[in-house]
């Protein structure tokens, strides 16, 4: 057997990490390492809402129920939680 070195995740660059986790530039959501869990959740939900056509779609992509999404929007005080596509409607 050959000699192997262990590489820690912290030693990998963003592109290598993206390939490990299957994220592309379009899929990645940057969350600062010093963020609290609530801040990270707020950023993640806000980004899903911005990308989704409806709140139902945002909830589905987050893996939560629609009622849970509404509760989180209210509890985390996410401003302007209207998806982009819905705000374009008259």
N, C-alpha and C. Protein backbone atom coordinates (compact mmCIF):
# COMPACT_ATOMS: atom_id res chain seq x y z
N UNK A 1 0.83 -1.18 0.00
CA UNK A 1 0.00 0.00 0.00
C UNK A 1 0.87 1.24 0.00
N UNK A 2 0.36 2.30 -0.66
CA UNK A 2 1.11 3.54 -0.77
C UNK A 2 0.90 4.43 0.43
N UNK A 3 1.73 5.45 0.51
CA UNK A 3 1.60 6.44 1.57
C UNK A 3 0.56 7.47 1.16
N UNK A 4 -0.32 7.81 2.07
CA UNK A 4 -1.36 8.78 1.79
C UNK A 4 -1.28 9.91 2.80
N UNK A 5 -1.60 11.09 2.36
CA UNK A 5 -1.69 12.23 3.25
C UNK A 5 -3.15 12.58 3.44
N UNK A 6 -3.50 13.04 4.60
CA UNK A 6 -4.86 13.48 4.87
C UNK A 6 -4.96 14.97 4.58
N UNK A 7 -5.97 15.34 3.83
CA UNK A 7 -6.21 16.74 3.52
C UNK A 7 -7.43 17.17 4.30
N UNK A 8 -7.29 18.24 5.06
CA UNK A 8 -8.40 18.77 5.84
C UNK A 8 -9.24 19.69 4.94
N UNK A 9 -10.54 19.75 5.19
CA UNK A 9 -11.41 20.59 4.38
C UNK A 9 -10.96 22.04 4.38
N UNK A 10 -10.42 22.54 5.48
CA UNK A 10 -9.96 23.91 5.57
C UNK A 10 -8.81 24.21 4.63
N UNK A 11 -8.13 23.18 4.16
CA UNK A 11 -7.00 23.36 3.26
C UNK A 11 -7.44 23.47 1.80
N UNK A 12 -8.69 23.15 1.54
CA UNK A 12 -9.21 23.21 0.17
C UNK A 12 -9.71 24.61 -0.14
N UNK A 13 -9.56 25.02 -1.38
CA UNK A 13 -10.08 26.31 -1.82
C UNK A 13 -11.57 26.21 -2.10
N UNK A 14 -12.21 27.35 -2.38
CA UNK A 14 -13.66 27.35 -2.63
C UNK A 14 -14.08 26.49 -3.80
N UNK A 15 -13.27 26.47 -4.86
CA UNK A 15 -13.63 25.65 -6.02
C UNK A 15 -13.57 24.16 -5.71
N UNK A 16 -12.54 23.77 -4.96
CA UNK A 16 -12.42 22.37 -4.59
C UNK A 16 -13.57 21.96 -3.67
N UNK A 17 -13.90 22.82 -2.72
CA UNK A 17 -15.03 22.52 -1.84
C UNK A 17 -16.33 22.41 -2.61
N UNK A 18 -16.51 23.30 -3.58
CA UNK A 18 -17.73 23.26 -4.40
C UNK A 18 -17.81 21.95 -5.15
N UNK A 19 -16.68 21.46 -5.66
CA UNK A 19 -16.72 20.20 -6.39
C UNK A 19 -16.99 19.02 -5.45
N UNK A 20 -16.49 19.11 -4.22
CA UNK A 20 -16.74 18.06 -3.23
C UNK A 20 -18.23 18.00 -2.89
N UNK A 21 -18.83 19.16 -2.72
CA UNK A 21 -20.23 19.21 -2.30
C UNK A 21 -21.20 19.38 -3.47
N UNK A 22 -20.69 19.43 -4.69
CA UNK A 22 -21.55 19.51 -5.86
C UNK A 22 -22.15 20.87 -6.12
N UNK A 23 -21.62 21.92 -5.52
CA UNK A 23 -22.16 23.26 -5.72
C UNK A 23 -21.40 23.95 -6.85
N UNK A 24 -22.12 24.69 -7.66
CA UNK A 24 -21.50 25.53 -8.67
C UNK A 24 -21.63 26.96 -8.21
N UNK A 25 -21.08 27.88 -8.96
CA UNK A 25 -21.20 29.29 -8.60
C UNK A 25 -22.65 29.73 -8.47
N UNK A 26 -23.52 29.14 -9.29
CA UNK A 26 -24.94 29.50 -9.24
C UNK A 26 -25.64 28.87 -8.05
N UNK A 27 -25.12 27.74 -7.58
CA UNK A 27 -25.74 27.03 -6.47
C UNK A 27 -25.25 27.51 -5.12
N UNK A 28 -24.07 28.09 -5.08
CA UNK A 28 -23.44 28.44 -3.82
C UNK A 28 -24.08 29.68 -3.20
N UNK A 29 -24.21 29.64 -1.89
CA UNK A 29 -24.69 30.79 -1.12
C UNK A 29 -23.62 31.06 -0.07
N UNK A 30 -23.00 32.21 -0.15
CA UNK A 30 -21.92 32.55 0.78
C UNK A 30 -22.50 32.99 2.12
N UNK A 31 -22.08 32.29 3.17
CA UNK A 31 -22.49 32.64 4.53
C UNK A 31 -21.21 32.82 5.34
N UNK A 32 -20.99 34.01 5.88
CA UNK A 32 -19.78 34.26 6.66
C UNK A 32 -19.63 33.25 7.81
N UNK A 33 -18.42 32.81 8.05
CA UNK A 33 -18.15 31.79 9.08
C UNK A 33 -18.56 32.25 10.47
N UNK A 34 -18.53 33.54 10.74
CA UNK A 34 -18.87 34.03 12.08
C UNK A 34 -20.36 34.31 12.25
N UNK A 35 -21.17 33.93 11.27
CA UNK A 35 -22.61 34.14 11.38
C UNK A 35 -23.20 33.25 12.45
N UNK A 36 -24.22 33.77 13.13
CA UNK A 36 -24.96 32.92 14.06
C UNK A 36 -25.85 32.00 13.23
N UNK A 37 -26.40 30.99 13.87
CA UNK A 37 -27.29 30.08 13.16
C UNK A 37 -28.51 30.82 12.63
N UNK A 38 -29.05 31.75 13.42
CA UNK A 38 -30.21 32.53 12.97
C UNK A 38 -29.86 33.39 11.76
N UNK A 39 -28.66 34.01 11.78
CA UNK A 39 -28.24 34.83 10.63
C UNK A 39 -28.06 33.97 9.39
N UNK A 40 -27.45 32.80 9.55
CA UNK A 40 -27.25 31.89 8.42
C UNK A 40 -28.59 31.43 7.86
N UNK A 41 -29.52 31.09 8.75
CA UNK A 41 -30.85 30.65 8.32
C UNK A 41 -31.58 31.79 7.60
N UNK A 42 -31.46 33.02 8.12
CA UNK A 42 -32.09 34.18 7.50
C UNK A 42 -31.54 34.38 6.08
N UNK A 43 -30.22 34.31 5.93
CA UNK A 43 -29.61 34.49 4.60
C UNK A 43 -30.04 33.39 3.63
N UNK A 44 -30.06 32.16 4.12
CA UNK A 44 -30.44 31.03 3.28
C UNK A 44 -31.89 31.14 2.82
N UNK A 45 -32.77 31.44 3.73
CA UNK A 45 -34.19 31.57 3.38
C UNK A 45 -34.41 32.74 2.43
N UNK A 46 -33.77 33.88 2.71
CA UNK A 46 -33.92 35.05 1.84
C UNK A 46 -33.43 34.74 0.43
N UNK A 47 -32.33 34.03 0.31
CA UNK A 47 -31.81 33.68 -1.01
C UNK A 47 -32.74 32.72 -1.74
N UNK A 48 -33.29 31.74 -1.04
CA UNK A 48 -34.24 30.82 -1.66
C UNK A 48 -35.49 31.56 -2.12
N UNK A 49 -35.96 32.50 -1.31
CA UNK A 49 -37.13 33.29 -1.69
C UNK A 49 -36.83 34.13 -2.93
N UNK A 50 -35.63 34.67 -3.02
CA UNK A 50 -35.27 35.49 -4.17
C UNK A 50 -35.16 34.66 -5.45
N UNK A 51 -34.74 33.42 -5.33
CA UNK A 51 -34.55 32.56 -6.50
C UNK A 51 -35.83 31.85 -6.94
N UNK A 52 -36.74 31.64 -6.01
CA UNK A 52 -37.96 30.88 -6.31
C UNK A 52 -39.03 31.77 -6.94
N UNK A 53 -39.90 31.14 -7.69
CA UNK A 53 -41.02 31.87 -8.30
C UNK A 53 -42.14 32.09 -7.29
N UNK A 54 -42.28 31.17 -6.35
CA UNK A 54 -43.33 31.27 -5.33
C UNK A 54 -42.76 30.86 -3.97
N UNK A 55 -43.48 31.20 -2.93
CA UNK A 55 -43.06 30.76 -1.59
C UNK A 55 -43.20 29.25 -1.47
N UNK A 56 -44.15 28.67 -2.16
CA UNK A 56 -44.30 27.21 -2.15
C UNK A 56 -43.05 26.55 -2.72
N UNK A 57 -42.54 27.10 -3.81
CA UNK A 57 -41.32 26.56 -4.41
C UNK A 57 -40.12 26.76 -3.48
N UNK A 58 -40.05 27.92 -2.85
CA UNK A 58 -38.96 28.19 -1.90
C UNK A 58 -39.00 27.19 -0.75
N UNK A 59 -40.18 26.94 -0.21
CA UNK A 59 -40.31 25.98 0.89
C UNK A 59 -39.88 24.59 0.44
N UNK A 60 -40.29 24.20 -0.77
CA UNK A 60 -39.93 22.88 -1.30
C UNK A 60 -38.42 22.75 -1.44
N UNK A 61 -37.76 23.77 -2.00
CA UNK A 61 -36.31 23.68 -2.20
C UNK A 61 -35.55 23.72 -0.87
N UNK A 62 -36.16 24.33 0.14
CA UNK A 62 -35.55 24.34 1.47
C UNK A 62 -35.81 23.04 2.23
N UNK A 63 -36.78 22.27 1.75
CA UNK A 63 -37.12 21.01 2.43
C UNK A 63 -37.97 21.22 3.66
N UNK A 64 -38.77 22.30 3.66
CA UNK A 64 -39.66 22.57 4.79
C UNK A 64 -41.08 22.81 4.26
N UNK A 65 -42.05 22.77 5.14
CA UNK A 65 -43.42 23.03 4.76
C UNK A 65 -43.67 24.52 4.59
N UNK A 66 -44.71 24.85 3.85
CA UNK A 66 -45.05 26.24 3.59
C UNK A 66 -45.38 26.98 4.89
N UNK A 67 -46.12 26.35 5.77
CA UNK A 67 -46.45 26.98 7.06
C UNK A 67 -45.18 27.25 7.87
N UNK A 68 -44.23 26.31 7.83
CA UNK A 68 -42.95 26.50 8.52
C UNK A 68 -42.19 27.68 7.92
N UNK A 69 -42.23 27.80 6.59
CA UNK A 69 -41.56 28.92 5.94
C UNK A 69 -42.15 30.25 6.41
N UNK A 70 -43.47 30.35 6.42
CA UNK A 70 -44.11 31.59 6.89
C UNK A 70 -43.74 31.90 8.34
N UNK A 71 -43.68 30.86 9.18
CA UNK A 71 -43.31 31.05 10.57
C UNK A 71 -41.87 31.56 10.68
N UNK A 72 -40.97 31.00 9.87
CA UNK A 72 -39.58 31.44 9.89
C UNK A 72 -39.43 32.86 9.34
N UNK A 73 -40.17 33.19 8.29
CA UNK A 73 -40.13 34.55 7.73
C UNK A 73 -40.51 35.56 8.82
N UNK A 74 -41.57 35.25 9.54
CA UNK A 74 -42.03 36.15 10.61
C UNK A 74 -41.05 36.15 11.78
N UNK A 75 -40.63 34.98 12.23
CA UNK A 75 -39.75 34.88 13.40
C UNK A 75 -38.36 35.45 13.16
N UNK A 76 -37.83 35.28 11.95
CA UNK A 76 -36.50 35.78 11.63
C UNK A 76 -36.54 37.21 11.08
N UNK A 77 -37.76 37.74 10.96
CA UNK A 77 -37.96 39.11 10.47
C UNK A 77 -37.28 39.32 9.12
N UNK A 78 -37.62 38.46 8.18
CA UNK A 78 -37.05 38.56 6.84
C UNK A 78 -37.82 39.63 6.08
N UNK A 79 -37.14 40.73 5.72
CA UNK A 79 -37.83 41.83 5.02
C UNK A 79 -38.13 41.47 3.57
N UNK A 80 -39.17 42.06 3.04
CA UNK A 80 -39.53 41.90 1.63
C UNK A 80 -39.45 40.45 1.20
N UNK A 81 -40.21 39.60 1.85
CA UNK A 81 -40.17 38.16 1.60
C UNK A 81 -40.98 37.75 0.38
N UNK A 82 -41.31 38.69 -0.47
CA UNK A 82 -42.06 38.39 -1.69
C UNK A 82 -41.09 37.92 -2.77
N UNK A 83 -41.33 36.71 -3.36
CA UNK A 83 -40.45 36.25 -4.44
C UNK A 83 -40.45 37.23 -5.60
N UNK A 84 -39.34 37.31 -6.34
CA UNK A 84 -39.18 38.25 -7.44
C UNK A 84 -40.27 38.10 -8.50
N UNK A 85 -40.54 36.85 -8.90
CA UNK A 85 -41.52 36.62 -9.95
C UNK A 85 -42.91 37.10 -9.53
N UNK A 86 -43.25 36.94 -8.25
CA UNK A 86 -44.56 37.35 -7.78
C UNK A 86 -44.68 38.86 -7.72
N UNK A 87 -43.59 39.55 -7.41
CA UNK A 87 -43.67 41.01 -7.34
C UNK A 87 -43.79 41.64 -8.73
N UNK A 88 -43.43 40.88 -9.77
CA UNK A 88 -43.53 41.39 -11.14
C UNK A 88 -44.98 41.31 -11.63
N UNK A 89 -45.78 40.48 -10.96
CA UNK A 89 -47.20 40.37 -11.35
C UNK A 89 -47.94 41.62 -10.93
N UNK A 90 -49.02 41.93 -11.67
CA UNK A 90 -49.79 43.13 -11.36
C UNK A 90 -50.68 42.97 -10.27
